[in-house]
Amino acid sequence: MNSSELGTLLHLASPTLPIGGFSYSQGLEAAVSHGLVTNADEAHHWIDEHLFSVIAPSEAMVWLFLYEAWLLLDEEKIIHWNHWFWATRETSEFRQETEQMGWSLLKLIKEHRWGTDQEKQFLNTIEPMTLPCAHAFICSAQQVQAINGLHIYLYSWLENQVMAAVKSIPLGQVAGQRILMAIGKKMSSHLGVLIEQSKSEKLGLNTFAQQLNILSSRHEHQYSRLFRS
């Protein structure tokens, strides 16, 4: 990894990245409110299951598809997978989340003038822009390796989930770090598997997460909340 790639990864992983990731709990706050997550062990289990049963078999795969499509500037595939991901957001909060974060990242792309003129012209035609589409574009445009780009994408999600648990349960910072380190280590060892799975002709994307979607819908009307989802 060269210093330029490392710089891009650190930028994308930074909590100060102005896309609002810290303001979303992705259903975790609703799970806490309904008594499904009440301590560190339950938070660990919830985040682990969400990552490996929901994010890995769908969102991670879409990120990889979009990354490859951006490398080839395959406009048809980019539009297809961007819209596919948007359409599979089953609640208004999840849909608004990816739209807002995608739009914010697109604004950052324009300010930094990342990409070729052709890529930038095409970016302006994508509506709505989802988070994985914009994130995968930056990684491809900045010559970040797929495994490293996906690692940062998933790590940012994981870190935001841990911070949501620390604030909403609440948990101590040390307990949060234990969760982050344990799941982060497991996630790192799983990246190669995800990339191999994305190349399989028999791959079937799984977006089924009934309980999560019900909790997300209930969160829309939750009386008191810290997070936007």
C-alpha atoms as a PDB file:
ATOM      1  CA  MET A   1       0.000   0.000   0.000  1.00  0.00           C
ATOM      2  CA  ASN A   2       1.448   3.394  -0.962  1.00  0.00           C
ATOM      3  CA  SER A   3       1.024   6.594   1.044  1.00  0.00           C
ATOM      4  CA  SER A   4      -1.593   7.983  -1.355  1.00  0.00           C
ATOM      5  CA  GLU A   5      -3.837   4.940  -0.907  1.00  0.00           C
ATOM      6  CA  LEU A   6      -3.317   5.032   2.854  1.00  0.00           C
ATOM      7  CA  GLY A   7      -4.235   8.721   2.924  1.00  0.00           C
ATOM      8  CA  THR A   8      -7.496   8.048   1.071  1.00  0.00           C
ATOM      9  CA  LEU A   9      -8.377   5.205   3.432  1.00  0.00           C
ATOM     10  CA  LEU A  10      -7.674   7.302   6.528  1.00  0.00           C
ATOM     11  CA  HIS A  11      -9.788  10.104   5.073  1.00  0.00           C
ATOM     12  CA  LEU A  12     -12.738   7.790   4.403  1.00  0.00           C
ATOM     13  CA  ALA A  13     -12.428   6.140   7.827  1.00  0.00           C
ATOM     14  CA  SER A  14     -12.198   9.400   9.763  1.00  0.00           C
ATOM     15  CA  PRO A  15     -15.123  10.142  12.123  1.00  0.00           C
ATOM     16  CA  THR A  16     -14.831  13.751  10.921  1.00  0.00           C
ATOM     17  CA  LEU A  17     -15.780  12.793   7.349  1.00  0.00           C
ATOM     18  CA  PRO A  18     -18.723  15.170   6.806  1.00  0.00           C
ATOM     19  CA  ILE A  19     -21.367  12.687   5.663  1.00  0.00           C
ATOM     20  CA  GLY A  20     -23.282  12.265   8.933  1.00  0.00           C
ATOM     21  CA  GLY A  21     -22.618   8.584   9.624  1.00  0.00           C
ATOM     22  CA  PHE A  22     -22.494   9.218  13.371  1.00  0.00           C
ATOM     23  CA  SER A  23     -26.142  10.335  13.385  1.00  0.00           C
ATOM     24  CA  TYR A  24     -27.558   6.935  12.381  1.00  0.00           C
ATOM     25  CA  SER A  25     -27.969   3.765  14.460  1.00  0.00           C
ATOM     26  CA  GLN A  26     -29.544   1.618  11.693  1.00  0.00           C
ATOM     27  CA  GLY A  27     -32.231   0.182  13.932  1.00  0.00           C
ATOM     28  CA  LEU A  28     -30.013  -0.354  16.981  1.00  0.00           C
ATOM     29  CA  GLU A  29     -31.611   2.461  18.974  1.00  0.00           C
ATOM     30  CA  ALA A  30     -35.044   0.920  18.375  1.00  0.00           C
ATOM     31  CA  ALA A  31     -33.714  -2.466  19.502  1.00  0.00           C
ATOM     32  CA  VAL A  32     -32.482  -0.839  22.713  1.00  0.00           C
ATOM     33  CA  SER A  33     -35.820   0.899  23.223  1.00  0.00           C
ATOM     34  CA  HIS A  34     -37.701  -2.400  22.871  1.00  0.00           C
ATOM     35  CA  GLY A  35     -35.424  -4.189  25.339  1.00  0.00           C
ATOM     36  CA  LEU A  36     -33.715  -6.424  22.781  1.00  0.00           C
ATOM     37  CA  VAL A  37     -30.274  -4.980  23.484  1.00  0.00           C
ATOM     38  CA  THR A  38     -29.570  -4.053  27.106  1.00  0.00           C
ATOM     39  CA  ASN A  39     -25.883  -4.766  27.792  1.00  0.00           C
ATOM     40  CA  ALA A  40     -22.473  -5.244  26.183  1.00  0.00           C
ATOM     41  CA  ASP A  41     -22.941  -8.932  25.360  1.00  0.00           C
ATOM     42  CA  GLU A  42     -26.274  -8.321  23.650  1.00  0.00           C
ATOM     43  CA  ALA A  43     -24.819  -5.342  21.772  1.00  0.00           C
ATOM     44  CA  HIS A  44     -21.936  -7.518  20.588  1.00  0.00           C
ATOM     45  CA  HIS A  45     -24.354 -10.189  19.366  1.00  0.00           C
ATOM     46  CA  TRP A  46     -26.642  -7.652  17.662  1.00  0.00           C
ATOM     47  CA  ILE A  47     -23.847  -5.875  15.785  1.00  0.00           C
ATOM     48  CA  ASP A  48     -22.159  -9.154  14.817  1.00  0.00           C
ATOM     49  CA  GLU A  49     -25.404 -10.596  13.443  1.00  0.00           C
ATOM     50  CA  HIS A  50     -26.237  -7.376  11.598  1.00  0.00           C
ATOM     51  CA  LEU A  51     -22.814  -7.289   9.957  1.00  0.00           C
ATOM     52  CA  PHE A  52     -22.483 -10.924   8.912  1.00  0.00           C
ATOM     53  CA  SER A  53     -26.154 -11.793   8.288  1.00  0.00           C
ATOM     54  CA  VAL A  54     -27.398  -8.540   6.727  1.00  0.00           C
ATOM     55  CA  ILE A  55     -24.545  -6.325   5.507  1.00  0.00           C
ATOM     56  CA  ALA A  56     -22.119  -8.999   4.255  1.00  0.00           C
ATOM     57  CA  PRO A  57     -24.502 -10.951   1.957  1.00  0.00           C
ATOM     58  CA  SER A  58     -25.981  -7.843   0.336  1.00  0.00           C
ATOM     59  CA  GLU A  59     -24.466  -4.384   0.862  1.00  0.00           C
ATOM     60  CA  ALA A  60     -20.858  -5.625   0.806  1.00  0.00           C
ATOM     61  CA  MET A  61     -21.548  -7.505  -2.422  1.00  0.00           C
ATOM     62  CA  VAL A  62     -23.139  -4.429  -4.011  1.00  0.00           C
ATOM     63  CA  TRP A  63     -20.129  -2.320  -3.011  1.00  0.00           C
ATOM     64  CA  LEU A  64     -17.834  -4.796  -4.786  1.00  0.00           C
ATOM     65  CA  PHE A  65     -20.051  -4.860  -7.889  1.00  0.00           C
ATOM     66  CA  LEU A  66     -20.055  -1.059  -8.010  1.00  0.00           C
ATOM     67  CA  TYR A  67     -16.298  -0.889  -7.493  1.00  0.00           C
ATOM     68  CA  GLU A  68     -15.677  -3.176 -10.477  1.00  0.00           C
ATOM     69  CA  ALA A  69     -18.234  -1.259 -12.563  1.00  0.00           C
ATOM     70  CA  TRP A  70     -16.528   2.062 -11.766  1.00  0.00           C
ATOM     71  CA  LEU A  71     -13.134   0.662 -12.768  1.00  0.00           C
ATOM     72  CA  LEU A  72     -14.584  -0.148 -16.203  1.00  0.00           C
ATOM     73  CA  LEU A  73     -16.916   2.861 -16.201  1.00  0.00           C
ATOM     74  CA  ASP A  74     -19.728   0.469 -17.030  1.00  0.00           C
ATOM     75  CA  GLU A  75     -22.560   2.984 -16.789  1.00  0.00           C
ATOM     76  CA  GLU A  76     -25.312   0.406 -17.178  1.00  0.00           C
ATOM     77  CA  LYS A  77     -24.063  -1.691 -14.260  1.00  0.00           C
ATOM     78  CA  ILE A  78     -23.431   1.346 -12.073  1.00  0.00           C
ATOM     79  CA  ILE A  79     -26.993   2.576 -12.560  1.00  0.00           C
ATOM     80  CA  HIS A  80     -28.375  -0.934 -12.054  1.00  0.00           C
ATOM     81  CA  TRP A  81     -26.626  -1.658  -8.759  1.00  0.00           C
ATOM     82  CA  ASN A  82     -27.073   1.846  -7.392  1.00  0.00           C
ATOM     83  CA  HIS A  83     -30.821   1.625  -8.002  1.00  0.00           C
ATOM     84  CA  TRP A  84     -30.974  -1.988  -6.812  1.00  0.00           C
ATOM     85  CA  PHE A  85     -29.455  -1.022  -3.486  1.00  0.00           C
ATOM     86  CA  TRP A  86     -31.757   1.991  -3.126  1.00  0.00           C
ATOM     87  CA  ALA A  87     -34.812  -0.132  -3.921  1.00  0.00           C
ATOM     88  CA  THR A  88     -33.904  -2.740  -1.289  1.00  0.00           C
ATOM     89  CA  ARG A  89     -33.936  -0.170   1.528  1.00  0.00           C
ATOM     90  CA  GLU A  90     -37.246  -1.328   2.992  1.00  0.00           C
ATOM     91  CA  THR A  91     -38.044   1.584   5.311  1.00  0.00           C
ATOM     92  CA  SER A  92     -38.114   5.316   4.753  1.00  0.00           C
ATOM     93  CA  GLU A  93     -35.363   5.839   7.334  1.00  0.00           C
ATOM     94  CA  PHE A  94     -32.972   3.405   5.665  1.00  0.00           C
ATOM     95  CA  ARG A  95     -33.686   4.951   2.272  1.00  0.00           C
ATOM     96  CA  GLN A  96     -33.226   8.507   3.513  1.00  0.00           C
ATOM     97  CA  GLU A  97     -29.997   7.475   5.226  1.00  0.00           C
ATOM     98  CA  THR A  98     -28.277   6.153   2.113  1.00  0.00           C
ATOM     99  CA  GLU A  99     -29.561   9.094   0.055  1.00  0.00           C
ATOM    100  CA  GLN A 100     -28.305  11.701   2.531  1.00  0.00           C
ATOM    101  CA  MET A 101     -24.909  10.057   3.042  1.00  0.00           C
ATOM    102  CA  GLY A 102     -24.511   9.384  -0.679  1.00  0.00           C
ATOM    103  CA  TRP A 103     -25.346  12.996  -1.516  1.00  0.00           C
ATOM    104  CA  SER A 104     -22.896  14.268   1.116  1.00  0.00           C
ATOM    105  CA  LEU A 105     -20.121  12.059  -0.229  1.00  0.00           C
ATOM    106  CA  LEU A 106     -20.902  13.197  -3.783  1.00  0.00           C
ATOM    107  CA  LYS A 107     -20.529  16.802  -2.630  1.00  0.00           C
ATOM    108  CA  LEU A 108     -17.109  15.890  -1.213  1.00  0.00           C
ATOM    109  CA  ILE A 109     -16.144  14.240  -4.511  1.00  0.00           C
ATOM    110  CA  LYS A 110     -16.964  17.437  -6.391  1.00  0.00           C
ATOM    111  CA  GLU A 111     -15.075  19.636  -3.944  1.00  0.00           C
ATOM    112  CA  HIS A 112     -11.938  17.472  -4.216  1.00  0.00           C
ATOM    113  CA  ARG A 113     -12.394  17.099  -7.997  1.00  0.00           C
ATOM    114  CA  TRP A 114     -11.866  13.359  -7.872  1.00  0.00           C
ATOM    115  CA  GLY A 115     -12.227  11.400 -11.105  1.00  0.00           C
ATOM    116  CA  THR A 116     -11.946  12.115 -14.812  1.00  0.00           C
ATOM    117  CA  ASP A 117     -14.140  14.586 -16.672  1.00  0.00           C
ATOM    118  CA  GLN A 118     -16.164  11.705 -18.110  1.00  0.00           C
ATOM    119  CA  GLU A 119     -16.659  10.164 -14.658  1.00  0.00           C
ATOM    120  CA  LYS A 120     -17.660  13.480 -13.112  1.00  0.00           C
ATOM    121  CA  GLN A 121     -20.148  14.130 -15.901  1.00  0.00           C
ATOM    122  CA  PHE A 122     -21.708  10.707 -15.387  1.00  0.00           C
ATOM    123  CA  LEU A 123     -21.833  11.159 -11.591  1.00  0.00           C
ATOM    124  CA  ASN A 124     -24.123  14.140 -12.075  1.00  0.00           C
ATOM    125  CA  THR A 125     -26.682  11.950 -13.857  1.00  0.00           C
ATOM    126  CA  ILE A 126     -27.080   9.418 -11.018  1.00  0.00           C
ATOM    127  CA  GLU A 127     -30.207  10.067  -8.970  1.00  0.00           C
ATOM    128  CA  PRO A 128     -30.461   9.258  -6.162  1.00  0.00           C
ATOM    129  CA  MET A 129     -26.835   8.663  -5.281  1.00  0.00           C
ATOM    130  CA  THR A 130     -26.468   5.924  -2.674  1.00  0.00           C
ATOM    131  CA  LEU A 131     -23.638   5.628  -0.167  1.00  0.00           C
ATOM    132  CA  PRO A 132     -22.017   2.438  -1.574  1.00  0.00           C
ATOM    133  CA  CYS A 133     -22.044   3.902  -5.085  1.00  0.00           C
ATOM    134  CA  ALA A 134     -20.268   7.114  -4.070  1.00  0.00           C
ATOM    135  CA  HIS A 135     -17.854   5.300  -1.742  1.00  0.00           C
ATOM    136  CA  ALA A 136     -16.913   2.710  -4.362  1.00  0.00           C
ATOM    137  CA  PHE A 137     -16.331   5.494  -6.883  1.00  0.00           C
ATOM    138  CA  ILE A 138     -13.816   7.245  -4.615  1.00  0.00           C
ATOM    139  CA  CYS A 139     -11.925   4.022  -4.035  1.00  0.00           C
ATOM    140  CA  SER A 140     -11.738   3.206  -7.739  1.00  0.00           C
ATOM    141  CA  ALA A 141     -10.839   6.788  -8.733  1.00  0.00           C
ATOM    142  CA  GLN A 142      -8.106   6.977  -6.069  1.00  0.00           C
ATOM    143  CA  GLN A 143      -6.710   3.549  -6.988  1.00  0.00           C
ATOM    144  CA  VAL A 144      -7.557   1.958  -3.658  1.00  0.00           C
ATOM    145  CA  GLN A 145      -7.491  -1.843  -3.764  1.00  0.00           C
ATOM    146  CA  ALA A 146     -10.911  -3.491  -3.501  1.00  0.00           C
ATOM    147  CA  ILE A 147     -10.092  -5.383  -0.308  1.00  0.00           C
ATOM    148  CA  ASN A 148      -8.887  -2.209   1.407  1.00  0.00           C
ATOM    149  CA  GLY A 149     -11.810  -0.107   0.205  1.00  0.00           C
ATOM    150  CA  LEU A 150     -14.334  -2.680   1.379  1.00  0.00           C
ATOM    151  CA  HIS A 151     -12.497  -2.986   4.695  1.00  0.00           C
ATOM    152  CA  ILE A 152     -12.841   0.757   5.335  1.00  0.00           C
ATOM    153  CA  TYR A 153     -16.482   0.775   4.228  1.00  0.00           C
ATOM    154  CA  LEU A 154     -17.391  -1.996   6.668  1.00  0.00           C
ATOM    155  CA  TYR A 155     -15.161  -0.671   9.445  1.00  0.00           C
ATOM    156  CA  SER A 156     -16.861   2.741   9.288  1.00  0.00           C
ATOM    157  CA  TRP A 157     -20.227   1.014   9.622  1.00  0.00           C
ATOM    158  CA  LEU A 158     -18.942  -1.068  12.535  1.00  0.00           C
ATOM    159  CA  GLU A 159     -17.487   1.934  14.345  1.00  0.00           C
ATOM    160  CA  ASN A 160     -20.751   3.864  13.999  1.00  0.00           C
ATOM    161  CA  GLN A 161     -22.701   0.901  15.381  1.00  0.00           C
ATOM    162  CA  VAL A 162     -20.409   0.638  18.393  1.00  0.00           C
ATOM    163  CA  MET A 163     -20.714   4.360  19.074  1.00  0.00           C
ATOM    164  CA  ALA A 164     -24.504   4.075  18.811  1.00  0.00           C
ATOM    165  CA  ALA A 165     -24.434   1.262  21.387  1.00  0.00           C
ATOM    166  CA  VAL A 166     -22.190   3.266  23.722  1.00  0.00           C
ATOM    167  CA  LYS A 167     -24.583   6.221  23.599  1.00  0.00           C
ATOM    168  CA  SER A 168     -27.969   4.494  23.592  1.00  0.00           C
ATOM    169  CA  ILE A 169     -27.626   1.547  26.026  1.00  0.00           C
ATOM    170  CA  PRO A 170     -25.378   3.183  27.394  1.00  0.00           C
ATOM    171  CA  LEU A 171     -22.027   1.379  27.561  1.00  0.00           C
ATOM    172  CA  GLY A 172     -18.621   2.422  28.833  1.00  0.00           C
ATOM    173  CA  GLN A 173     -15.928   3.311  26.316  1.00  0.00           C
ATOM    174  CA  VAL A 174     -13.848   0.247  27.235  1.00  0.00           C
ATOM    175  CA  ALA A 175     -16.801  -2.079  26.631  1.00  0.00           C
ATOM    176  CA  GLY A 176     -17.329  -0.414  23.277  1.00  0.00           C
ATOM    177  CA  GLN A 177     -13.695  -0.899  22.328  1.00  0.00           C
ATOM    178  CA  ARG A 178     -13.879  -4.596  23.200  1.00  0.00           C
ATOM    179  CA  ILE A 179     -16.794  -5.010  20.798  1.00  0.00           C
ATOM    180  CA  LEU A 180     -15.035  -3.000  18.096  1.00  0.00           C
ATOM    181  CA  MET A 181     -11.814  -4.988  18.353  1.00  0.00           C
ATOM    182  CA  ALA A 182     -13.482  -8.418  18.513  1.00  0.00           C
ATOM    183  CA  ILE A 183     -15.831  -7.903  15.569  1.00  0.00           C
ATOM    184  CA  GLY A 184     -13.213  -5.921  13.663  1.00  0.00           C
ATOM    185  CA  LYS A 185     -10.774  -8.827  13.864  1.00  0.00           C
ATOM    186  CA  LYS A 186     -13.429 -11.271  12.668  1.00  0.00           C
ATOM    187  CA  MET A 187     -14.402  -8.901   9.846  1.00  0.00           C
ATOM    188  CA  SER A 188     -10.789  -8.527   8.676  1.00  0.00           C
ATOM    189  CA  SER A 189     -10.389 -12.281   8.315  1.00  0.00           C
ATOM    190  CA  HIS A 190     -13.649 -12.485   6.328  1.00  0.00           C
ATOM    191  CA  LEU A 191     -12.814  -9.930   3.631  1.00  0.00           C
ATOM    192  CA  GLY A 192     -11.166 -12.409   1.276  1.00  0.00           C
ATOM    193  CA  VAL A 193     -14.202 -14.685   1.536  1.00  0.00           C
ATOM    194  CA  LEU A 194     -16.524 -11.808   0.588  1.00  0.00           C
ATOM    195  CA  ILE A 195     -14.443 -10.971  -2.479  1.00  0.00           C
ATOM    196  CA  GLU A 196     -14.425 -14.595  -3.624  1.00  0.00           C
ATOM    197  CA  GLN A 197     -18.180 -14.859  -3.080  1.00  0.00           C
ATOM    198  CA  SER A 198     -18.760 -11.749  -5.188  1.00  0.00           C
ATOM    199  CA  LYS A 199     -17.108 -13.512  -8.143  1.00  0.00           C
ATOM    200  CA  SER A 200     -19.324 -16.589  -7.954  1.00  0.00           C
ATOM    201  CA  GLU A 201     -21.822 -17.068 -10.765  1.00  0.00           C
ATOM    202  CA  LYS A 202     -24.176 -18.770  -8.288  1.00  0.00           C
ATOM    203  CA  LEU A 203     -24.189 -15.866  -5.830  1.00  0.00           C
ATOM    204  CA  GLY A 204     -27.627 -14.980  -4.514  1.00  0.00           C
ATOM    205  CA  LEU A 205     -27.968 -11.683  -2.680  1.00  0.00           C
ATOM    206  CA  ASN A 206     -29.846 -11.891   0.610  1.00  0.00           C
ATOM    207  CA  THR A 207     -31.581  -8.772   1.930  1.00  0.00           C
ATOM    208  CA  PHE A 208     -34.038 -10.527   4.261  1.00  0.00           C
ATOM    209  CA  ALA A 209     -33.984  -8.872   7.688  1.00  0.00           C
ATOM    210  CA  GLN A 210     -37.585  -8.815   8.860  1.00  0.00           C
ATOM    211  CA  GLN A 211     -37.006  -7.921  12.518  1.00  0.00           C
ATOM    212  CA  LEU A 212     -34.573  -5.151  11.625  1.00  0.00           C
ATOM    213  CA  ASN A 213     -37.026  -3.586   9.181  1.00  0.00           C
ATOM    214  CA  ILE A 214     -39.875  -3.729  11.691  1.00  0.00           C
ATOM    215  CA  LEU A 215     -37.695  -2.019  14.286  1.00  0.00           C
ATOM    216  CA  SER A 216     -36.647   0.600  11.747  1.00  0.00           C
ATOM    217  CA  SER A 217     -40.317   1.322  10.965  1.00  0.00           C
ATOM    218  CA  ARG A 218     -41.118   1.649  14.658  1.00  0.00           C
ATOM    219  CA  HIS A 219     -38.162   3.954  15.149  1.00  0.00           C
ATOM    220  CA  GLU A 220     -39.770   6.457  12.772  1.00  0.00           C
ATOM    221  CA  HIS A 221     -42.400   7.111  15.466  1.00  0.00           C
ATOM    222  CA  GLN A 222     -40.254   6.597  18.552  1.00  0.00           C
ATOM    223  CA  TYR A 223     -41.071   9.307  21.084  1.00  0.00           C
ATOM    224  CA  SER A 224     -37.513  10.053  22.235  1.00  0.00           C
ATOM    225  CA  ARG A 225     -34.400   9.275  20.234  1.00  0.00           C
ATOM    226  CA  LEU A 226     -30.785  10.289  19.712  1.00  0.00           C
ATOM    227  CA  PHE A 227     -30.356   8.995  16.149  1.00  0.00           C
ATOM    228  CA  ARG A 228     -32.001   9.572  12.786  1.00  0.00           C
ATOM    229  CA  SER A 229     -32.482   5.857  12.106  1.00  0.00           C
END
